[in-house]
Amino acid sequence: MRILKSMVLFFTLGLLLVLTPNFANAEQGDTIPEGNQESIRIPIVEPEDSSEDSLQKFSAASTNNIGYVDVWVTNNPKKINWEVVVYAPYKGNGFTGHFSITNLSTGLSHGSYDITGMKGSISPPIYRGKYGGRLSGVLLYNGVTTGVTLSSPYLVWTI
């Protein structure tokens, strides 16, 4: 009986640790749209200050829209694609970011993937089901941060 109680406690704690990030996102007012949204456009804005310390401390109201990132899903082959567009006179020749994927059928994280470059694709091991993802990143010009993505809409797709 003691072993059974320990197993139940261990399972409950493990489940709590896995679901806590999803609950935290829900508390921030994030919503997952109904149906599939197999492409999204994420604005890129100027940070108030391009130093590394201030990347998380910018105000969208006080920034200029300097471009965007288009993200879309292709099912055959299974890929998540992105392309960065920068408006003139702003400059950017590199992009670095993270794409976080959640299996919406189970609610479990499916991983976070690093992306680099102005355009490209990733092929995460995705199986049948409904998935969602968010992108965050920074625009670079010769290694200097010139822009940051605003909060990404939720990309939703089914395989």
N, C-alpha and C. Protein backbone atom coordinates (compact mmCIF):
# COMPACT_ATOMS: atom_id res chain seq x y z
N MET A 1 0.83 -1.19 0.00
CA MET A 1 0.00 0.00 0.00
C MET A 1 0.88 1.26 0.00
N ARG A 2 1.96 1.21 0.74
CA ARG A 2 2.86 2.35 0.82
C ARG A 2 3.49 2.64 -0.55
N ILE A 3 3.82 1.58 -1.28
CA ILE A 3 4.41 1.75 -2.60
C ILE A 3 3.39 2.38 -3.55
N LEU A 4 2.14 1.95 -3.45
CA LEU A 4 1.09 2.50 -4.29
C LEU A 4 0.90 3.99 -4.02
N LYS A 5 0.89 4.38 -2.74
CA LYS A 5 0.76 5.80 -2.40
C LYS A 5 1.93 6.59 -2.95
N SER A 6 3.14 6.05 -2.87
CA SER A 6 4.33 6.74 -3.39
C SER A 6 4.23 6.90 -4.90
N MET A 7 3.74 5.87 -5.59
CA MET A 7 3.61 5.95 -7.04
C MET A 7 2.57 6.99 -7.44
N VAL A 8 1.45 7.05 -6.73
CA VAL A 8 0.42 8.04 -7.02
C VAL A 8 0.95 9.45 -6.77
N LEU A 9 1.66 9.66 -5.69
CA LEU A 9 2.24 10.96 -5.38
C LEU A 9 3.25 11.35 -6.46
N PHE A 10 4.11 10.45 -6.86
CA PHE A 10 5.11 10.71 -7.89
C PHE A 10 4.43 11.07 -9.21
N PHE A 11 3.40 10.32 -9.60
CA PHE A 11 2.68 10.60 -10.83
C PHE A 11 2.01 11.97 -10.77
N THR A 12 1.38 12.30 -9.66
CA THR A 12 0.71 13.58 -9.49
C THR A 12 1.70 14.74 -9.59
N LEU A 13 2.85 14.62 -8.94
CA LEU A 13 3.87 15.67 -9.00
C LEU A 13 4.40 15.83 -10.42
N GLY A 14 4.63 14.71 -11.09
CA GLY A 14 5.11 14.77 -12.47
C GLY A 14 4.10 15.45 -13.38
N LEU A 15 2.84 15.12 -13.23
CA LEU A 15 1.78 15.73 -14.03
C LEU A 15 1.68 17.22 -13.75
N LEU A 16 1.81 17.60 -12.50
CA LEU A 16 1.77 19.00 -12.12
C LEU A 16 2.92 19.77 -12.77
N LEU A 17 4.11 19.21 -12.79
CA LEU A 17 5.26 19.88 -13.40
C LEU A 17 5.09 20.04 -14.90
N VAL A 18 4.50 19.07 -15.54
CA VAL A 18 4.29 19.14 -16.99
C VAL A 18 3.23 20.16 -17.35
N LEU A 19 2.15 20.25 -16.59
CA LEU A 19 1.04 21.12 -16.93
C LEU A 19 1.19 22.56 -16.43
N THR A 20 2.06 22.81 -15.48
CA THR A 20 2.21 24.15 -14.92
C THR A 20 2.51 25.20 -15.98
N PRO A 21 3.46 25.00 -16.94
CA PRO A 21 3.68 26.03 -17.96
C PRO A 21 2.43 26.33 -18.78
N ASN A 22 1.61 25.33 -19.07
CA ASN A 22 0.39 25.56 -19.84
C ASN A 22 -0.61 26.40 -19.05
N PHE A 23 -0.72 26.15 -17.74
CA PHE A 23 -1.61 26.96 -16.91
C PHE A 23 -1.10 28.39 -16.82
N ALA A 24 0.22 28.57 -16.73
CA ALA A 24 0.79 29.92 -16.65
C ALA A 24 0.46 30.71 -17.90
N ASN A 25 0.54 30.09 -19.08
CA ASN A 25 0.18 30.79 -20.31
C ASN A 25 -1.28 31.16 -20.32
N ALA A 26 -2.14 30.29 -19.84
CA ALA A 26 -3.57 30.57 -19.81
C ALA A 26 -3.87 31.75 -18.90
N GLU A 27 -3.13 31.87 -17.79
CA GLU A 27 -3.36 32.96 -16.87
C GLU A 27 -2.95 34.29 -17.47
N GLN A 28 -2.02 34.29 -18.44
CA GLN A 28 -1.58 35.53 -19.06
C GLN A 28 -2.56 36.01 -20.12
N GLY A 29 -3.65 35.30 -20.31
CA GLY A 29 -4.65 35.74 -21.27
C GLY A 29 -4.44 35.16 -22.66
N ASP A 30 -3.52 34.21 -22.83
CA ASP A 30 -3.31 33.60 -24.13
C ASP A 30 -4.46 32.68 -24.44
N THR A 31 -4.92 32.72 -25.65
CA THR A 31 -5.98 31.82 -26.05
C THR A 31 -5.56 31.08 -27.30
N ILE A 32 -6.07 29.90 -27.47
CA ILE A 32 -5.79 29.11 -28.66
C ILE A 32 -7.02 29.22 -29.55
N PRO A 33 -6.85 29.70 -30.78
CA PRO A 33 -8.00 29.86 -31.65
C PRO A 33 -8.59 28.51 -32.05
N GLU A 34 -9.88 28.50 -32.32
CA GLU A 34 -10.54 27.28 -32.79
C GLU A 34 -10.14 27.02 -34.23
N GLY A 35 -10.09 25.75 -34.61
CA GLY A 35 -9.77 25.40 -35.99
C GLY A 35 -8.28 25.51 -36.26
N ASN A 36 -7.92 25.34 -37.51
CA ASN A 36 -6.51 25.42 -37.89
C ASN A 36 -6.18 26.83 -38.36
N GLN A 37 -5.01 27.26 -38.00
CA GLN A 37 -4.46 28.52 -38.44
C GLN A 37 -3.04 28.17 -38.88
N GLU A 38 -2.88 27.71 -40.12
CA GLU A 38 -1.63 27.12 -40.53
C GLU A 38 -0.60 28.13 -41.03
N SER A 39 -0.85 29.43 -40.82
CA SER A 39 0.16 30.45 -41.09
C SER A 39 -0.11 31.64 -40.18
N ILE A 40 0.97 32.30 -39.78
CA ILE A 40 0.87 33.48 -38.93
C ILE A 40 1.88 34.51 -39.39
N ARG A 41 1.64 35.77 -39.06
CA ARG A 41 2.57 36.87 -39.33
C ARG A 41 2.86 37.54 -38.00
N ILE A 42 4.14 37.62 -37.65
CA ILE A 42 4.57 38.16 -36.36
C ILE A 42 5.33 39.47 -36.60
N PRO A 43 4.87 40.59 -36.06
CA PRO A 43 5.58 41.86 -36.25
C PRO A 43 6.96 41.86 -35.57
N ILE A 44 7.88 42.56 -36.20
CA ILE A 44 9.20 42.82 -35.61
C ILE A 44 9.26 44.31 -35.34
N VAL A 45 9.67 44.68 -34.14
CA VAL A 45 9.72 46.08 -33.74
C VAL A 45 11.11 46.42 -33.22
N GLU A 46 11.39 47.72 -33.17
CA GLU A 46 12.65 48.18 -32.61
C GLU A 46 12.61 48.07 -31.09
N PRO A 47 13.66 47.54 -30.48
CA PRO A 47 13.71 47.60 -29.01
C PRO A 47 14.03 49.03 -28.59
N GLU A 48 13.65 49.41 -27.39
CA GLU A 48 13.96 50.75 -26.90
C GLU A 48 15.45 50.99 -26.89
N ASP A 49 16.19 49.92 -26.62
CA ASP A 49 17.64 50.00 -26.53
C ASP A 49 18.12 48.63 -27.01
N SER A 50 19.09 48.57 -27.87
CA SER A 50 19.49 47.28 -28.45
C SER A 50 20.48 46.51 -27.59
N SER A 51 20.71 46.94 -26.34
CA SER A 51 21.60 46.17 -25.47
C SER A 51 20.93 44.86 -25.07
N GLU A 52 21.72 43.86 -24.76
CA GLU A 52 21.19 42.54 -24.41
C GLU A 52 20.27 42.60 -23.18
N ASP A 53 20.57 43.49 -22.22
CA ASP A 53 19.77 43.57 -20.99
C ASP A 53 18.36 44.07 -21.24
N SER A 54 18.15 44.84 -22.28
CA SER A 54 16.84 45.47 -22.46
C SER A 54 15.94 44.72 -23.43
N LEU A 55 16.37 43.60 -23.98
CA LEU A 55 15.55 42.90 -24.97
C LEU A 55 14.20 42.49 -24.42
N GLN A 56 14.12 42.20 -23.13
CA GLN A 56 12.86 41.78 -22.54
C GLN A 56 12.06 42.96 -22.02
N LYS A 57 12.61 44.18 -22.07
CA LYS A 57 11.97 45.33 -21.42
C LYS A 57 11.58 46.41 -22.43
N PHE A 58 10.94 46.05 -23.52
CA PHE A 58 10.53 47.08 -24.45
C PHE A 58 9.03 47.22 -24.43
N SER A 59 8.58 48.37 -24.84
CA SER A 59 7.15 48.65 -24.86
C SER A 59 6.68 48.71 -26.31
N ALA A 60 5.71 47.88 -26.65
CA ALA A 60 5.22 47.84 -28.03
C ALA A 60 4.65 49.20 -28.44
N ALA A 61 4.11 49.95 -27.51
CA ALA A 61 3.50 51.24 -27.84
C ALA A 61 4.54 52.26 -28.25
N SER A 62 5.79 52.11 -27.80
CA SER A 62 6.81 53.11 -28.08
C SER A 62 7.80 52.65 -29.14
N THR A 63 7.44 51.64 -29.92
CA THR A 63 8.36 51.11 -30.92
C THR A 63 7.82 51.28 -32.32
N ASN A 64 8.70 51.13 -33.29
CA ASN A 64 8.31 51.18 -34.69
C ASN A 64 8.28 49.78 -35.26
N ASN A 65 7.31 49.51 -36.11
CA ASN A 65 7.23 48.24 -36.80
C ASN A 65 8.27 48.27 -37.92
N ILE A 66 9.28 47.40 -37.84
CA ILE A 66 10.36 47.43 -38.83
C ILE A 66 10.32 46.24 -39.78
N GLY A 67 9.37 45.33 -39.59
CA GLY A 67 9.25 44.17 -40.47
C GLY A 67 8.36 43.12 -39.85
N TYR A 68 8.47 41.90 -40.35
CA TYR A 68 7.66 40.80 -39.82
C TYR A 68 8.31 39.47 -40.16
N VAL A 69 7.80 38.43 -39.48
CA VAL A 69 8.19 37.04 -39.76
C VAL A 69 6.93 36.29 -40.14
N ASP A 70 6.93 35.69 -41.32
CA ASP A 70 5.84 34.79 -41.71
C ASP A 70 6.23 33.38 -41.30
N VAL A 71 5.30 32.65 -40.68
CA VAL A 71 5.53 31.26 -40.28
C VAL A 71 4.36 30.44 -40.82
N TRP A 72 4.66 29.31 -41.46
CA TRP A 72 3.61 28.46 -41.99
C TRP A 72 4.04 27.00 -41.94
N VAL A 73 3.03 26.13 -42.03
CA VAL A 73 3.25 24.69 -41.92
C VAL A 73 2.98 24.04 -43.27
N THR A 74 3.83 23.10 -43.66
CA THR A 74 3.56 22.25 -44.82
C THR A 74 3.45 20.82 -44.30
N ASN A 75 2.45 20.09 -44.76
CA ASN A 75 2.23 18.74 -44.27
C ASN A 75 2.96 17.67 -45.07
N ASN A 76 3.33 17.98 -46.32
CA ASN A 76 4.04 16.98 -47.12
C ASN A 76 5.16 17.67 -47.87
N PRO A 77 6.38 17.69 -47.37
CA PRO A 77 6.84 17.05 -46.14
C PRO A 77 6.45 17.87 -44.91
N LYS A 78 6.48 17.21 -43.76
CA LYS A 78 6.11 17.86 -42.49
C LYS A 78 7.20 18.85 -42.11
N LYS A 79 6.93 20.14 -42.32
CA LYS A 79 7.91 21.17 -42.00
C LYS A 79 7.21 22.40 -41.45
N ILE A 80 7.95 23.13 -40.61
CA ILE A 80 7.53 24.45 -40.15
C ILE A 80 8.51 25.42 -40.81
N ASN A 81 7.98 26.35 -41.60
CA ASN A 81 8.79 27.26 -42.41
C ASN A 81 8.69 28.68 -41.85
N TRP A 82 9.72 29.49 -42.10
CA TRP A 82 9.66 30.90 -41.73
C TRP A 82 10.42 31.73 -42.76
N GLU A 83 10.01 32.99 -42.87
CA GLU A 83 10.71 33.96 -43.70
C GLU A 83 10.58 35.33 -43.05
N VAL A 84 11.70 36.03 -42.95
CA VAL A 84 11.76 37.35 -42.32
C VAL A 84 11.78 38.41 -43.41
N VAL A 85 10.95 39.44 -43.25
CA VAL A 85 10.91 40.58 -44.17
C VAL A 85 11.20 41.83 -43.35
N VAL A 86 12.14 42.66 -43.85
CA VAL A 86 12.52 43.91 -43.17
C VAL A 86 12.18 45.08 -44.08
N TYR A 87 11.45 46.05 -43.54
CA TYR A 87 11.09 47.24 -44.31
C TYR A 87 12.28 48.18 -44.42
N ALA A 88 12.40 48.86 -45.59
CA ALA A 88 13.41 49.91 -45.75
C ALA A 88 12.96 51.10 -44.92
N PRO A 89 13.81 51.85 -44.31
CA PRO A 89 15.26 51.88 -44.35
C PRO A 89 15.94 51.01 -43.28
N TYR A 90 15.17 50.19 -42.57
CA TYR A 90 15.74 49.36 -41.52
C TYR A 90 16.59 48.25 -42.14
N LYS A 91 17.50 47.72 -41.34
CA LYS A 91 18.41 46.69 -41.84
C LYS A 91 18.38 45.45 -40.96
N GLY A 92 18.55 44.33 -41.60
CA GLY A 92 18.64 43.06 -40.90
C GLY A 92 19.20 42.02 -41.85
N ASN A 93 20.18 41.26 -41.40
CA ASN A 93 20.74 40.20 -42.24
C ASN A 93 20.84 38.87 -41.49
N GLY A 94 20.18 38.81 -40.34
CA GLY A 94 20.15 37.56 -39.58
C GLY A 94 18.97 37.54 -38.63
N PHE A 95 18.53 36.36 -38.29
CA PHE A 95 17.43 36.20 -37.35
C PHE A 95 17.73 34.98 -36.50
N THR A 96 17.53 35.10 -35.20
CA THR A 96 17.71 33.99 -34.27
C THR A 96 16.47 33.93 -33.38
N GLY A 97 15.92 32.73 -33.23
CA GLY A 97 14.73 32.61 -32.42
C GLY A 97 14.50 31.20 -31.92
N HIS A 98 13.38 31.04 -31.21
CA HIS A 98 12.95 29.74 -30.67
C HIS A 98 11.50 29.52 -31.06
N PHE A 99 11.19 28.31 -31.50
CA PHE A 99 9.82 27.95 -31.81
C PHE A 99 9.42 26.85 -30.85
N SER A 100 8.45 27.12 -29.99
CA SER A 100 7.98 26.16 -28.99
C SER A 100 6.71 25.49 -29.49
N ILE A 101 6.67 24.15 -29.42
CA ILE A 101 5.54 23.39 -29.93
C ILE A 101 4.85 22.65 -28.78
N THR A 102 3.52 22.66 -28.80
CA THR A 102 2.71 21.92 -27.83
C THR A 102 1.77 20.99 -28.58
N ASN A 103 1.66 19.76 -28.12
CA ASN A 103 0.67 18.83 -28.67
C ASN A 103 -0.66 19.19 -28.04
N LEU A 104 -1.56 19.79 -28.81
CA LEU A 104 -2.84 20.25 -28.26
C LEU A 104 -3.78 19.10 -27.96
N SER A 105 -3.53 17.92 -28.54
CA SER A 105 -4.36 16.76 -28.24
C SER A 105 -4.11 16.26 -26.83
N THR A 106 -2.85 16.37 -26.36
CA THR A 106 -2.51 15.88 -25.02
C THR A 106 -2.20 17.00 -24.04
N GLY A 107 -1.88 18.19 -24.53
CA GLY A 107 -1.49 19.29 -23.66
C GLY A 107 -0.04 19.27 -23.26
N LEU A 108 0.73 18.32 -23.79
CA LEU A 108 2.13 18.17 -23.41
C LEU A 108 3.03 18.96 -24.36
N SER A 109 4.15 19.44 -23.82
CA SER A 109 5.13 20.14 -24.64
C SER A 109 5.75 19.17 -25.64
N HIS A 110 5.98 19.66 -26.84
CA HIS A 110 6.61 18.84 -27.87
C HIS A 110 8.02 19.36 -28.16
N GLY A 111 8.49 20.30 -27.37
CA GLY A 111 9.86 20.78 -27.49
C GLY A 111 9.96 22.21 -27.97
N SER A 112 11.18 22.74 -27.85
CA SER A 112 11.51 24.07 -28.32
C SER A 112 12.66 23.92 -29.30
N TYR A 113 12.54 24.57 -30.45
CA TYR A 113 13.51 24.40 -31.52
C TYR A 113 14.16 25.74 -31.85
N ASP A 114 15.48 25.75 -31.96
CA ASP A 114 16.21 26.96 -32.34
C ASP A 114 16.09 27.15 -33.84
N ILE A 115 15.85 28.39 -34.24
CA ILE A 115 15.85 28.70 -35.66
C ILE A 115 16.83 29.84 -35.90
N THR A 116 17.50 29.80 -37.03
CA THR A 116 18.45 30.85 -37.39
C THR A 116 18.33 31.12 -38.89
N GLY A 117 18.60 32.34 -39.27
CA GLY A 117 18.57 32.72 -40.68
C GLY A 117 17.32 33.51 -41.03
N MET A 118 17.39 34.18 -42.16
CA MET A 118 16.28 35.01 -42.62
C MET A 118 15.14 34.18 -43.20
N LYS A 119 15.41 32.96 -43.59
CA LYS A 119 14.36 32.05 -44.02
C LYS A 119 14.87 30.64 -43.88
N GLY A 120 13.93 29.73 -43.72
CA GLY A 120 14.32 28.34 -43.56
C GLY A 120 13.15 27.50 -43.09
N SER A 121 13.49 26.29 -42.64
CA SER A 121 12.46 25.39 -42.14
C SER A 121 13.08 24.42 -41.15
N ILE A 122 12.22 23.87 -40.30
CA ILE A 122 12.62 22.81 -39.38
C ILE A 122 11.68 21.64 -39.58
N SER A 123 12.17 20.45 -39.29
CA SER A 123 11.36 19.23 -39.43
C SER A 123 11.33 18.48 -38.11
N PRO A 124 10.57 18.98 -37.13
CA PRO A 124 10.51 18.27 -35.86
C PRO A 124 9.75 16.95 -36.03
N PRO A 125 10.04 15.96 -35.20
CA PRO A 125 9.32 14.69 -35.29
C PRO A 125 7.88 14.86 -34.81
N ILE A 126 6.97 15.08 -35.74
CA ILE A 126 5.57 15.33 -35.41
C ILE A 126 4.73 14.18 -35.94
N TYR A 127 3.88 13.65 -35.08
CA TYR A 127 3.01 12.53 -35.43
C TYR A 127 1.58 13.03 -35.56
N ARG A 128 0.65 12.12 -35.78
CA ARG A 128 -0.76 12.51 -35.92
C ARG A 128 -1.24 13.26 -34.68
N GLY A 129 -2.04 14.28 -34.92
CA GLY A 129 -2.60 15.04 -33.81
C GLY A 129 -2.72 16.50 -34.16
N LYS A 130 -3.14 17.28 -33.17
CA LYS A 130 -3.30 18.72 -33.33
C LYS A 130 -2.19 19.40 -32.54
N TYR A 131 -1.51 20.34 -33.16
CA TYR A 131 -0.36 20.99 -32.56
C TYR A 131 -0.52 22.50 -32.58
N GLY A 132 0.20 23.16 -31.68
CA GLY A 132 0.24 24.61 -31.64
C GLY A 132 1.65 25.05 -31.35
N GLY A 133 2.00 26.26 -31.79
CA GLY A 133 3.35 26.74 -31.54
C GLY A 133 3.43 28.25 -31.53
N ARG A 134 4.49 28.74 -30.89
CA ARG A 134 4.78 30.17 -30.80
C ARG A 134 6.24 30.40 -31.16
N LEU A 135 6.50 31.55 -31.78
CA LEU A 135 7.85 31.93 -32.17
C LEU A 135 8.24 33.21 -31.44
N SER A 136 9.47 33.25 -30.95
CA SER A 136 10.04 34.49 -30.42
C SER A 136 11.45 34.58 -30.96
N GLY A 137 11.90 35.81 -31.21
CA GLY A 137 13.25 35.93 -31.75
C GLY A 137 13.71 37.36 -31.88
N VAL A 138 14.93 37.51 -32.38
CA VAL A 138 15.54 38.82 -32.56
C VAL A 138 16.09 38.94 -33.99
N LEU A 139 15.96 40.14 -34.55
CA LEU A 139 16.52 40.48 -35.84
C LEU A 139 17.90 41.06 -35.62
N LEU A 140 18.87 40.63 -36.43
CA LEU A 140 20.25 41.09 -36.27
C LEU A 140 20.73 41.75 -37.56
N TYR A 141 21.64 42.72 -37.39
CA TYR A 141 22.35 43.29 -38.53
C TYR A 141 23.83 43.27 -38.17
N ASN A 142 24.58 42.42 -38.86
CA ASN A 142 26.00 42.21 -38.57
C ASN A 142 26.25 41.92 -37.09
N GLY A 143 25.40 41.09 -36.50
CA GLY A 143 25.56 40.66 -35.12
C GLY A 143 24.98 41.58 -34.08
N VAL A 144 24.44 42.74 -34.47
CA VAL A 144 23.86 43.69 -33.53
C VAL A 144 22.33 43.59 -33.61
N THR A 145 21.68 43.54 -32.46
CA THR A 145 20.22 43.43 -32.42
C THR A 145 19.59 44.70 -32.94
N THR A 146 18.74 44.56 -33.97
CA THR A 146 18.04 45.72 -34.52
C THR A 146 16.53 45.62 -34.34
N GLY A 147 16.02 44.45 -33.94
CA GLY A 147 14.59 44.29 -33.74
C GLY A 147 14.27 43.05 -32.93
N VAL A 148 13.08 43.03 -32.38
CA VAL A 148 12.59 41.87 -31.61
C VAL A 148 11.16 41.58 -32.05
N THR A 149 10.77 40.32 -31.94
CA THR A 149 9.39 39.96 -32.29
C THR A 149 8.46 40.35 -31.16
N LEU A 150 7.25 40.77 -31.54
CA LEU A 150 6.21 40.98 -30.55
C LEU A 150 5.66 39.61 -30.15
N SER A 151 4.79 39.58 -29.19
CA SER A 151 4.20 38.33 -28.76
C SER A 151 3.55 37.62 -29.95
N SER A 152 3.96 36.39 -30.16
CA SER A 152 3.52 35.64 -31.32
C SER A 152 2.08 35.15 -31.17
N PRO A 153 1.29 35.26 -32.25
CA PRO A 153 0.01 34.56 -32.22
C PRO A 153 0.27 33.06 -32.20
N TYR A 154 -0.73 32.28 -31.87
CA TYR A 154 -0.58 30.84 -31.77
C TYR A 154 -0.81 30.20 -33.13
N LEU A 155 0.19 29.53 -33.65
CA LEU A 155 0.06 28.78 -34.90
C LEU A 155 -0.54 27.42 -34.57
N VAL A 156 -1.64 27.05 -35.22
CA VAL A 156 -2.33 25.80 -34.94
C VAL A 156 -2.44 25.00 -36.23
N TRP A 157 -2.10 23.69 -36.15
CA TRP A 157 -2.23 22.81 -37.32
C TRP A 157 -2.52 21.40 -36.88
N THR A 158 -3.09 20.62 -37.82
CA THR A 158 -3.44 19.22 -37.56
C THR A 158 -2.77 18.35 -38.60
N ILE A 159 -2.23 17.24 -38.15
CA ILE A 159 -1.61 16.27 -39.06
C ILE A 159 -2.37 14.96 -38.94
